[in-house]
N, C-alpha and C. Protein backbone atom coordinates (compact mmCIF):
# COMPACT_ATOMS: atom_id res chain seq x y z
N MET A 1 2.37 -20.44 18.89
CA MET A 1 2.07 -21.10 17.72
C MET A 1 1.34 -19.68 16.87
N ARG A 2 2.25 -20.21 15.54
CA ARG A 2 1.91 -19.28 14.24
C ARG A 2 1.62 -19.55 13.28
N ASN A 3 0.67 -18.64 12.13
CA ASN A 3 -0.09 -19.38 11.38
C ASN A 3 0.26 -18.69 10.11
N SER A 4 -0.04 -18.68 9.12
CA SER A 4 -0.22 -18.37 7.63
C SER A 4 -0.36 -16.87 7.77
N LEU A 5 -1.39 -16.45 8.85
CA LEU A 5 -1.70 -14.64 8.67
C LEU A 5 -0.21 -14.07 9.73
N ASN A 6 0.60 -15.09 9.88
CA ASN A 6 2.20 -14.20 10.65
C ASN A 6 2.71 -14.71 10.76
N PRO A 7 3.11 -15.33 9.57
CA PRO A 7 4.95 -15.96 9.35
C PRO A 7 5.70 -15.35 9.91
N LYS A 8 6.39 -16.45 10.15
CA LYS A 8 7.74 -15.85 11.39
C LYS A 8 8.51 -15.33 10.12
N PRO A 9 9.45 -14.38 10.61
CA PRO A 9 10.31 -13.76 9.65
C PRO A 9 11.39 -14.59 8.41
N GLU A 10 11.70 -15.47 8.95
CA GLU A 10 12.07 -15.86 7.90
C GLU A 10 11.50 -17.30 6.98
N ASP A 11 10.29 -16.88 6.80
CA ASP A 11 9.86 -18.26 6.13
C ASP A 11 8.51 -16.73 5.05
N GLN A 12 9.09 -15.43 5.66
CA GLN A 12 8.39 -14.54 4.42
C GLN A 12 8.69 -14.63 3.51
N ASN A 13 8.32 -14.44 1.95
CA ASN A 13 9.31 -14.19 1.14
C ASN A 13 9.15 -12.59 0.66
N ILE A 14 9.50 -11.60 0.40
CA ILE A 14 9.63 -10.42 0.05
C ILE A 14 10.10 -10.37 -1.42
N ILE A 15 9.35 -9.84 -2.26
CA ILE A 15 10.07 -10.19 -3.91
C ILE A 15 9.47 -8.28 -4.23
N LEU A 16 11.02 -8.57 -5.34
CA LEU A 16 10.65 -6.83 -5.61
C LEU A 16 10.14 -7.26 -7.09
N ILE A 17 9.40 -6.28 -7.51
CA ILE A 17 8.45 -6.73 -9.16
C ILE A 17 8.74 -5.57 -9.79
N GLY A 18 9.96 -6.01 -10.69
CA GLY A 18 10.44 -4.70 -11.20
C GLY A 18 9.01 -4.60 -12.34
N ARG A 19 9.75 -3.52 -13.46
CA ARG A 19 8.49 -2.64 -14.12
C ARG A 19 7.89 -3.07 -15.40
N HIS A 20 8.55 -4.56 -15.66
CA HIS A 20 7.61 -5.42 -17.16
C HIS A 20 7.06 -6.18 -16.01
N LEU A 21 6.91 -6.94 -15.33
CA LEU A 21 6.29 -7.94 -14.24
C LEU A 21 5.00 -6.89 -13.72
N LEU A 22 5.44 -5.74 -13.64
CA LEU A 22 3.93 -4.83 -13.12
C LEU A 22 3.30 -4.26 -13.91
N ARG A 23 4.09 -3.74 -15.45
CA ARG A 23 2.95 -3.70 -16.53
C ARG A 23 2.42 -4.59 -16.87
N TRP A 24 2.34 -5.64 -16.87
CA TRP A 24 2.09 -6.75 -16.96
C TRP A 24 0.84 -7.11 -16.36
N ALA A 25 1.37 -6.45 -14.55
CA ALA A 25 -0.17 -6.98 -14.23
C ALA A 25 -1.24 -5.78 -14.21
N GLU A 26 -0.84 -4.38 -14.38
CA GLU A 26 -2.02 -3.84 -14.99
C GLU A 26 -2.52 -4.03 -15.63
N LYS A 27 -2.14 -4.82 -16.70
CA LYS A 27 -2.84 -4.99 -17.95
C LYS A 27 -3.29 -5.86 -17.23
N LEU A 28 -3.86 -6.63 -16.16
CA LEU A 28 -4.50 -7.95 -16.01
C LEU A 28 -5.83 -6.75 -15.40
N ILE A 29 -6.01 -5.44 -15.24
CA ILE A 29 -7.01 -4.78 -14.49
C ILE A 29 -7.90 -4.29 -15.23
N VAL A 30 -8.96 -3.83 -14.82
CA VAL A 30 -9.65 -3.18 -15.80
C VAL A 30 -10.02 -2.08 -14.69
N ALA A 31 -9.85 -1.31 -13.61
CA ALA A 31 -10.26 -0.25 -12.99
C ALA A 31 -9.66 -1.19 -11.13
N CYS A 32 -9.04 0.00 -10.96
CA CYS A 32 -9.64 0.44 -8.74
C CYS A 32 -10.63 0.52 -7.93
N GLU A 33 -10.35 0.32 -6.97
CA GLU A 33 -11.15 0.71 -5.86
C GLU A 33 -11.84 2.18 -6.32
N VAL A 34 -11.19 2.85 -6.12
CA VAL A 34 -11.69 4.79 -6.53
C VAL A 34 -12.44 4.64 -7.71
N CYS A 35 -12.02 3.97 -8.67
CA CYS A 35 -12.77 4.53 -9.66
C CYS A 35 -14.26 3.47 -10.59
N SER A 36 -13.60 2.04 -9.61
CA SER A 36 -14.73 1.11 -9.82
C SER A 36 -15.05 0.59 -8.92
N PRO A 37 -15.61 1.68 -7.70
CA PRO A 37 -16.40 0.43 -6.24
C PRO A 37 -16.87 -0.45 -6.06
N HIS A 38 -17.61 -1.23 -6.67
CA HIS A 38 -18.61 -1.74 -6.90
C HIS A 38 -18.03 -3.11 -7.33
N TYR A 39 -17.22 -3.09 -8.62
CA TYR A 39 -16.56 -4.35 -8.77
C TYR A 39 -15.06 -4.78 -8.78
N ALA A 40 -14.34 -3.79 -7.90
CA ALA A 40 -13.24 -3.99 -7.41
C ALA A 40 -13.03 -4.55 -6.22
N GLU A 41 -12.82 -5.88 -6.09
CA GLU A 41 -12.94 -6.93 -4.76
C GLU A 41 -11.35 -7.60 -5.00
N THR A 42 -11.01 -7.45 -5.41
CA THR A 42 -9.58 -8.62 -5.60
C THR A 42 -8.48 -7.88 -5.64
N SER A 43 -7.51 -7.78 -4.07
CA SER A 43 -7.06 -6.80 -3.86
C SER A 43 -5.50 -7.36 -4.80
N PHE A 44 -4.62 -5.59 -5.33
CA PHE A 44 -3.44 -5.97 -6.44
C PHE A 44 -2.57 -7.29 -6.34
N ASP A 45 -2.38 -7.73 -5.24
CA ASP A 45 -1.32 -9.26 -4.73
C ASP A 45 -1.80 -9.57 -5.25
N SER A 46 -3.06 -10.05 -5.02
CA SER A 46 -3.46 -11.48 -5.33
C SER A 46 -3.27 -11.76 -6.75
N VAL A 47 -3.29 -9.93 -7.98
CA VAL A 47 -2.95 -10.53 -9.16
C VAL A 47 -1.28 -10.41 -8.96
N LEU A 48 -0.46 -10.17 -8.54
CA LEU A 48 1.02 -10.72 -8.93
C LEU A 48 0.86 -11.58 -8.14
N ASP A 49 0.57 -12.34 -7.17
CA ASP A 49 0.28 -13.94 -6.92
C ASP A 49 -0.04 -14.31 -7.66
N ARG A 50 -0.95 -14.25 -8.78
CA ARG A 50 -1.41 -15.16 -9.54
C ARG A 50 -0.18 -15.82 -10.80
N ILE A 51 0.71 -14.20 -11.35
CA ILE A 51 1.40 -14.00 -11.69
C ILE A 51 2.34 -14.90 -11.22
N THR A 52 2.95 -14.42 -10.72
CA THR A 52 4.32 -14.94 -9.74
C THR A 52 4.39 -16.62 -9.12
N GLY A 53 2.87 -16.80 -9.06
CA GLY A 53 3.68 -18.91 -8.90
C GLY A 53 3.24 -18.61 -7.05
N ASN A 54 3.39 -17.19 -6.09
CA ASN A 54 3.87 -17.01 -5.09
C ASN A 54 2.68 -17.72 -4.30
N ASP A 55 3.20 -18.61 -2.68
CA ASP A 55 2.46 -18.47 -1.90
C ASP A 55 1.93 -17.09 -1.08
N PRO A 56 0.56 -16.52 -1.78
CA PRO A 56 -0.14 -15.45 -0.57
C PRO A 56 0.09 -15.00 0.64
N ALA A 57 -0.09 -16.36 0.79
CA ALA A 57 0.19 -16.65 2.73
C ALA A 57 1.48 -16.07 3.25
N ILE A 58 2.62 -15.83 2.41
CA ILE A 58 3.52 -15.55 3.02
C ILE A 58 4.98 -14.64 2.13
N THR A 59 3.87 -13.80 0.83
CA THR A 59 4.86 -13.39 0.30
C THR A 59 4.23 -11.49 0.64
N ASP A 60 5.35 -10.62 0.40
CA ASP A 60 4.96 -9.50 0.23
C ASP A 60 5.20 -9.01 -1.13
N TYR A 61 5.70 -7.57 -1.66
CA TYR A 61 5.78 -7.58 -2.47
C TYR A 61 6.39 -6.22 -3.27
N ILE A 62 7.34 -5.47 -3.30
CA ILE A 62 8.05 -4.40 -3.38
C ILE A 62 8.06 -3.51 -4.60
N PHE A 63 7.72 -3.48 -4.94
CA PHE A 63 7.73 -2.43 -6.42
C PHE A 63 8.92 -1.40 -6.52
N GLU A 64 9.05 -1.46 -8.07
CA GLU A 64 10.48 -1.53 -8.89
C GLU A 64 9.72 0.26 -9.14
N ALA A 65 9.20 0.34 -10.08
CA ALA A 65 8.14 1.54 -10.28
C ALA A 65 6.10 2.37 -9.70
N PRO A 66 6.48 3.01 -9.70
CA PRO A 66 4.86 3.17 -9.14
C PRO A 66 3.81 2.03 -9.95
N ALA A 67 2.59 1.57 -9.74
CA ALA A 67 2.01 1.79 -10.31
C ALA A 67 0.54 2.22 -9.81
N ASN A 68 -0.05 2.13 -11.56
CA ASN A 68 -1.29 3.03 -11.61
C ASN A 68 -2.82 2.30 -12.55
N CYS A 69 -3.64 2.56 -12.13
CA CYS A 69 -4.96 2.13 -12.56
C CYS A 69 -4.64 2.74 -13.29
N PRO A 70 -4.99 1.48 -14.57
CA PRO A 70 -5.81 2.20 -16.09
C PRO A 70 -6.07 2.26 -16.69
N GLN A 71 -7.65 2.88 -15.92
CA GLN A 71 -8.85 3.56 -15.83
C GLN A 71 -8.39 5.06 -15.55
N CYS A 72 -7.98 5.29 -14.00
CA CYS A 72 -8.49 6.40 -13.66
C CYS A 72 -6.79 7.24 -13.66
N ARG A 73 -6.18 6.11 -13.58
CA ARG A 73 -4.39 6.73 -13.42
C ARG A 73 -4.37 6.83 -12.23
N ARG A 74 -4.97 6.70 -11.12
CA ARG A 74 -4.68 7.07 -9.74
C ARG A 74 -3.30 5.70 -9.39
N PRO A 75 -2.28 6.76 -8.53
CA PRO A 75 -1.15 4.81 -7.37
C PRO A 75 -2.37 4.48 -6.72
N ILE A 76 -1.90 2.79 -7.49
CA ILE A 76 -2.06 1.51 -6.89
C ILE A 76 -0.95 0.77 -5.80
N ASN A 77 -1.28 0.31 -5.12
CA ASN A 77 -0.31 -0.51 -3.75
C ASN A 77 -1.13 -1.93 -4.06
N GLU A 78 0.06 -2.58 -3.49
CA GLU A 78 0.04 -4.18 -3.25
C GLU A 78 -1.66 -4.36 -2.90
N LYS A 79 -1.43 -3.51 -1.96
CA LYS A 79 -3.41 -4.04 -1.17
C LYS A 79 -4.42 -3.15 -1.93
N THR A 80 -4.17 -2.47 -2.49
CA THR A 80 -5.72 -1.83 -3.40
C THR A 80 -6.54 -2.35 -3.92
N LEU A 81 -7.66 -2.51 -3.80
CA LEU A 81 -8.91 -3.81 -4.38
C LEU A 81 -8.71 -3.08 -5.42
N VAL A 82 -8.65 -3.70 -6.96
CA VAL A 82 -9.01 -3.92 -8.48
C VAL A 82 -10.15 -4.82 -9.08
N ASP A 83 -10.37 -4.26 -9.99
CA ASP A 83 -11.49 -5.16 -10.85
C ASP A 83 -10.32 -6.03 -12.09
N VAL A 84 -10.99 -6.90 -11.76
CA VAL A 84 -10.38 -8.30 -12.45
C VAL A 84 -9.96 -8.28 -14.08
N ALA A 85 -9.54 -8.30 -15.06
CA ALA A 85 -10.32 -7.98 -16.30
C ALA A 85 -10.63 -9.59 -16.01
């Protein structure tokens, strides 16, 4: 029996995040776990889930372009912890 932490491949959603949506998501964060370790508590994919309305239990994201922290400009990925505005 599978649970939401380990969905069957046919139940998973792989979503390509285009540049426009990626920039929108970047505008919703203040900083990343590197430059704001005490306040970064939300994964970047949670921000994407809110924007897209996708189910976080079965959705993974692929970025069309690199994402960067608006504060320190370091690269961030979908699992990077961020401080949400």
